[in-house]
N, C-alpha and C. Protein backbone atom coordinates (compact mmCIF):
# COMPACT_ATOMS: atom_id res chain seq x y z
N MET A 1 71.50 61.63 -65.20
CA MET A 1 72.54 62.65 -65.16
C MET A 1 72.10 63.85 -64.32
N ASN A 2 70.84 64.28 -64.49
CA ASN A 2 70.35 65.43 -63.72
C ASN A 2 70.37 65.16 -62.22
N ALA A 3 70.05 63.94 -61.83
CA ALA A 3 70.07 63.59 -60.40
C ALA A 3 71.48 63.67 -59.86
N MET A 4 72.46 63.23 -60.67
CA MET A 4 73.86 63.29 -60.25
C MET A 4 74.30 64.74 -60.08
N VAL A 5 73.92 65.59 -61.01
CA VAL A 5 74.28 67.02 -60.94
C VAL A 5 73.63 67.66 -59.73
N GLU A 6 72.37 67.34 -59.47
CA GLU A 6 71.68 67.91 -58.33
C GLU A 6 72.33 67.48 -57.01
N THR A 7 72.65 66.20 -56.89
CA THR A 7 73.32 65.69 -55.69
C THR A 7 74.66 66.37 -55.49
N TYR A 8 75.43 66.47 -56.57
CA TYR A 8 76.75 67.13 -56.51
C TYR A 8 76.59 68.57 -56.06
N THR A 9 75.63 69.29 -56.65
CA THR A 9 75.41 70.70 -56.33
C THR A 9 75.06 70.87 -54.86
N GLN A 10 74.21 70.00 -54.33
CA GLN A 10 73.84 70.08 -52.92
C GLN A 10 75.06 69.85 -52.03
N GLU A 11 75.89 68.87 -52.39
CA GLU A 11 77.07 68.56 -51.59
C GLU A 11 78.06 69.72 -51.60
N VAL A 12 78.29 70.31 -52.77
CA VAL A 12 79.25 71.42 -52.87
C VAL A 12 78.71 72.62 -52.12
N SER A 13 77.42 72.91 -52.22
CA SER A 13 76.84 74.04 -51.50
C SER A 13 77.00 73.86 -50.00
N ARG A 14 76.75 72.65 -49.53
CA ARG A 14 76.89 72.36 -48.11
C ARG A 14 78.36 72.50 -47.70
N ASP A 15 79.27 71.92 -48.51
CA ASP A 15 80.70 71.97 -48.21
C ASP A 15 81.26 73.39 -48.26
N ALA A 16 80.73 74.23 -49.15
CA ALA A 16 81.25 75.58 -49.31
C ALA A 16 81.01 76.44 -48.08
N ASN A 17 80.03 76.08 -47.27
CA ASN A 17 79.71 76.87 -46.08
C ASN A 17 80.59 76.52 -44.88
N GLU A 18 81.31 75.42 -44.94
CA GLU A 18 82.11 75.04 -43.78
C GLU A 18 83.52 75.60 -43.88
N LYS A 19 84.10 75.84 -42.73
CA LYS A 19 85.46 76.37 -42.65
C LYS A 19 86.44 75.21 -42.80
N LEU A 20 87.29 75.27 -43.82
CA LEU A 20 88.25 74.21 -44.07
C LEU A 20 89.66 74.67 -43.78
N SER A 21 90.48 73.73 -43.40
CA SER A 21 91.90 73.97 -43.27
C SER A 21 92.62 72.70 -43.67
N ILE A 22 93.91 72.74 -43.71
CA ILE A 22 94.70 71.57 -44.05
C ILE A 22 94.45 70.45 -43.04
N LYS A 23 94.06 70.82 -41.83
CA LYS A 23 93.77 69.83 -40.78
C LYS A 23 92.48 69.06 -41.04
N SER A 24 91.68 69.52 -42.00
CA SER A 24 90.43 68.84 -42.35
C SER A 24 90.67 67.60 -43.20
N PHE A 25 91.94 67.41 -43.63
CA PHE A 25 92.27 66.34 -44.57
C PHE A 25 93.40 65.46 -44.04
N THR A 26 93.41 64.22 -44.50
CA THR A 26 94.53 63.31 -44.27
C THR A 26 95.25 63.18 -45.60
N MET A 27 96.52 63.56 -45.62
CA MET A 27 97.30 63.51 -46.85
C MET A 27 97.64 62.06 -47.20
N MET A 28 97.46 61.71 -48.47
CA MET A 28 97.72 60.34 -48.90
C MET A 28 99.03 60.25 -49.69
N CYS A 29 99.18 61.07 -50.73
CA CYS A 29 100.41 61.06 -51.51
C CYS A 29 100.46 62.28 -52.42
N VAL A 30 101.67 62.62 -52.86
CA VAL A 30 101.86 63.71 -53.80
C VAL A 30 101.61 63.15 -55.20
N ILE A 31 100.73 63.84 -55.96
CA ILE A 31 100.44 63.37 -57.31
C ILE A 31 100.96 64.32 -58.38
N GLY A 32 101.52 65.46 -57.95
CA GLY A 32 102.10 66.40 -58.91
C GLY A 32 102.87 67.48 -58.20
N LYS A 33 103.92 67.96 -58.86
CA LYS A 33 104.73 69.05 -58.31
C LYS A 33 105.01 70.05 -59.42
N GLY A 34 104.99 71.31 -59.04
CA GLY A 34 105.33 72.38 -59.97
C GLY A 34 106.34 73.30 -59.32
N SER A 35 106.60 74.41 -59.97
CA SER A 35 107.62 75.31 -59.45
C SER A 35 107.17 76.04 -58.18
N TYR A 36 105.86 76.19 -57.98
CA TYR A 36 105.39 76.89 -56.79
C TYR A 36 104.20 76.21 -56.11
N ALA A 37 103.92 74.95 -56.49
CA ALA A 37 102.77 74.27 -55.88
C ALA A 37 102.97 72.76 -55.93
N GLU A 38 102.22 72.08 -55.06
CA GLU A 38 102.14 70.63 -55.07
C GLU A 38 100.67 70.25 -55.13
N VAL A 39 100.37 69.16 -55.82
CA VAL A 39 99.02 68.61 -55.82
C VAL A 39 99.08 67.31 -55.03
N ILE A 40 98.25 67.25 -54.01
CA ILE A 40 98.29 66.13 -53.08
C ILE A 40 96.93 65.43 -53.05
N LEU A 41 96.96 64.12 -53.11
CA LEU A 41 95.75 63.33 -52.95
C LEU A 41 95.46 63.27 -51.46
N ALA A 42 94.24 63.65 -51.07
CA ALA A 42 93.90 63.73 -49.66
C ALA A 42 92.47 63.24 -49.42
N ARG A 43 92.26 62.71 -48.23
CA ARG A 43 90.93 62.23 -47.84
C ARG A 43 90.38 63.19 -46.79
N LYS A 44 89.15 63.68 -47.02
CA LYS A 44 88.51 64.57 -46.06
C LYS A 44 88.11 63.74 -44.84
N LYS A 45 88.53 64.18 -43.68
CA LYS A 45 88.36 63.40 -42.46
C LYS A 45 86.91 63.11 -42.11
N ASP A 46 86.03 64.09 -42.25
CA ASP A 46 84.65 63.88 -41.80
C ASP A 46 83.79 63.09 -42.78
N THR A 47 84.11 63.13 -44.08
CA THR A 47 83.27 62.43 -45.06
C THR A 47 83.96 61.23 -45.70
N GLY A 48 85.28 61.19 -45.65
CA GLY A 48 86.02 60.11 -46.28
C GLY A 48 86.19 60.30 -47.78
N LYS A 49 85.67 61.40 -48.32
CA LYS A 49 85.80 61.66 -49.75
C LYS A 49 87.25 62.02 -50.09
N ILE A 50 87.64 61.65 -51.30
CA ILE A 50 89.01 61.89 -51.75
C ILE A 50 89.03 63.11 -52.66
N TYR A 51 89.99 63.99 -52.44
CA TYR A 51 90.17 65.21 -53.21
C TYR A 51 91.62 65.33 -53.64
N ALA A 52 91.84 66.07 -54.70
CA ALA A 52 93.18 66.49 -55.07
C ALA A 52 93.31 67.94 -54.60
N LEU A 53 94.23 68.19 -53.70
CA LEU A 53 94.43 69.53 -53.16
C LEU A 53 95.65 70.16 -53.80
N LYS A 54 95.49 71.38 -54.28
CA LYS A 54 96.64 72.12 -54.79
C LYS A 54 97.10 73.05 -53.67
N ILE A 55 98.31 72.82 -53.22
CA ILE A 55 98.86 73.60 -52.12
C ILE A 55 99.92 74.54 -52.68
N LEU A 56 99.65 75.83 -52.56
CA LEU A 56 100.54 76.85 -53.11
C LEU A 56 101.57 77.27 -52.08
N LYS A 57 102.78 77.48 -52.55
CA LYS A 57 103.86 77.96 -51.69
C LYS A 57 104.00 79.46 -51.94
N LYS A 58 103.43 80.25 -51.03
CA LYS A 58 103.35 81.69 -51.24
C LYS A 58 104.71 82.35 -51.43
N LYS A 59 105.68 81.90 -50.68
CA LYS A 59 107.01 82.49 -50.80
C LYS A 59 107.58 82.30 -52.21
N LYS A 60 107.39 81.11 -52.77
CA LYS A 60 107.89 80.85 -54.12
C LYS A 60 107.10 81.61 -55.18
N ILE A 61 105.81 81.81 -54.94
CA ILE A 61 105.00 82.59 -55.87
C ILE A 61 105.54 84.02 -55.93
N GLU A 62 105.83 84.58 -54.78
CA GLU A 62 106.36 85.94 -54.72
C GLU A 62 107.76 86.02 -55.33
N GLN A 63 108.61 85.05 -55.02
CA GLN A 63 109.98 85.04 -55.55
C GLN A 63 109.99 84.96 -57.08
N ARG A 64 109.07 84.20 -57.64
CA ARG A 64 109.02 83.99 -59.10
C ARG A 64 108.08 84.98 -59.79
N ASN A 65 107.56 85.93 -59.04
CA ASN A 65 106.68 86.96 -59.57
C ASN A 65 105.49 86.34 -60.32
N GLN A 66 104.80 85.39 -59.68
CA GLN A 66 103.71 84.65 -60.29
C GLN A 66 102.33 85.00 -59.71
N LYS A 67 102.25 86.10 -58.97
CA LYS A 67 100.98 86.45 -58.32
C LYS A 67 99.83 86.58 -59.33
N GLU A 68 100.07 87.27 -60.42
CA GLU A 68 99.02 87.48 -61.41
C GLU A 68 98.62 86.16 -62.08
N HIS A 69 99.60 85.30 -62.35
CA HIS A 69 99.33 84.00 -62.95
C HIS A 69 98.42 83.16 -62.04
N VAL A 70 98.74 83.13 -60.76
CA VAL A 70 97.96 82.36 -59.80
C VAL A 70 96.56 82.93 -59.66
N ARG A 71 96.45 84.24 -59.62
CA ARG A 71 95.15 84.90 -59.51
C ARG A 71 94.28 84.60 -60.74
N THR A 72 94.88 84.61 -61.91
CA THR A 72 94.16 84.30 -63.15
C THR A 72 93.67 82.85 -63.14
N GLU A 73 94.53 81.93 -62.73
CA GLU A 73 94.14 80.52 -62.65
C GLU A 73 92.96 80.34 -61.70
N ARG A 74 93.01 80.98 -60.55
CA ARG A 74 91.93 80.90 -59.57
C ARG A 74 90.63 81.42 -60.16
N ASN A 75 90.69 82.57 -60.83
CA ASN A 75 89.49 83.17 -61.41
C ASN A 75 88.86 82.27 -62.48
N ILE A 76 89.69 81.63 -63.28
CA ILE A 76 89.19 80.70 -64.31
C ILE A 76 88.49 79.52 -63.65
N LEU A 77 89.11 78.96 -62.62
CA LEU A 77 88.51 77.81 -61.94
C LEU A 77 87.19 78.17 -61.25
N VAL A 78 87.12 79.36 -60.67
CA VAL A 78 85.90 79.80 -60.00
C VAL A 78 84.77 79.92 -61.02
N LYS A 79 85.07 80.41 -62.22
CA LYS A 79 84.04 80.61 -63.25
C LYS A 79 83.64 79.32 -63.95
N SER A 80 84.50 78.30 -63.90
CA SER A 80 84.17 77.06 -64.58
C SER A 80 83.07 76.33 -63.81
N ASN A 81 82.28 75.57 -64.53
CA ASN A 81 81.18 74.85 -63.91
C ASN A 81 81.36 73.38 -64.26
N SER A 82 82.15 72.69 -63.45
CA SER A 82 82.50 71.30 -63.75
C SER A 82 82.18 70.41 -62.57
N LEU A 83 81.72 69.21 -62.87
CA LEU A 83 81.49 68.22 -61.81
C LEU A 83 82.78 67.78 -61.15
N PHE A 84 83.89 68.05 -61.81
CA PHE A 84 85.18 67.56 -61.32
C PHE A 84 85.92 68.59 -60.47
N LEU A 85 85.31 69.73 -60.22
CA LEU A 85 85.95 70.76 -59.40
C LEU A 85 85.07 71.10 -58.21
N ALA A 86 85.65 71.11 -57.05
CA ALA A 86 84.99 71.62 -55.86
C ALA A 86 85.92 72.69 -55.31
N LEU A 87 85.48 73.93 -55.35
CA LEU A 87 86.35 75.04 -55.00
C LEU A 87 86.08 75.52 -53.59
N PHE A 88 87.13 75.67 -52.84
CA PHE A 88 87.06 76.23 -51.50
C PHE A 88 88.02 77.40 -51.47
N CYS A 89 87.63 78.49 -52.09
CA CYS A 89 88.52 79.64 -52.23
C CYS A 89 88.15 80.71 -51.24
C-alpha cells in the first residue's frame, strides 16, 4: 500500500507542475450532469490515463448565484487527501 501511495504522490506532483487545458484531454463520454456542471470521462493525451473531469459553466454559476457553493466545494477537495482525486486547480 505504501508503494502505491508513493507512486501516486510522485505522479500527482509531476502532473501538478504542468500546464493543463481542455486540449490536453480526449473526451470520451458524459458521465454526469448538474445544473451548472458536467462530469466527463476523458483520456489524457500524453499518458493515456483516464480521468473524470468536472467542467463548470461559469455563466450558469453566476446566473444561479452559486459562486460561494462552488468555491466551498473546491476548497474541500483541495484539503482532502485521497488516492481518487487529482486536483489541477
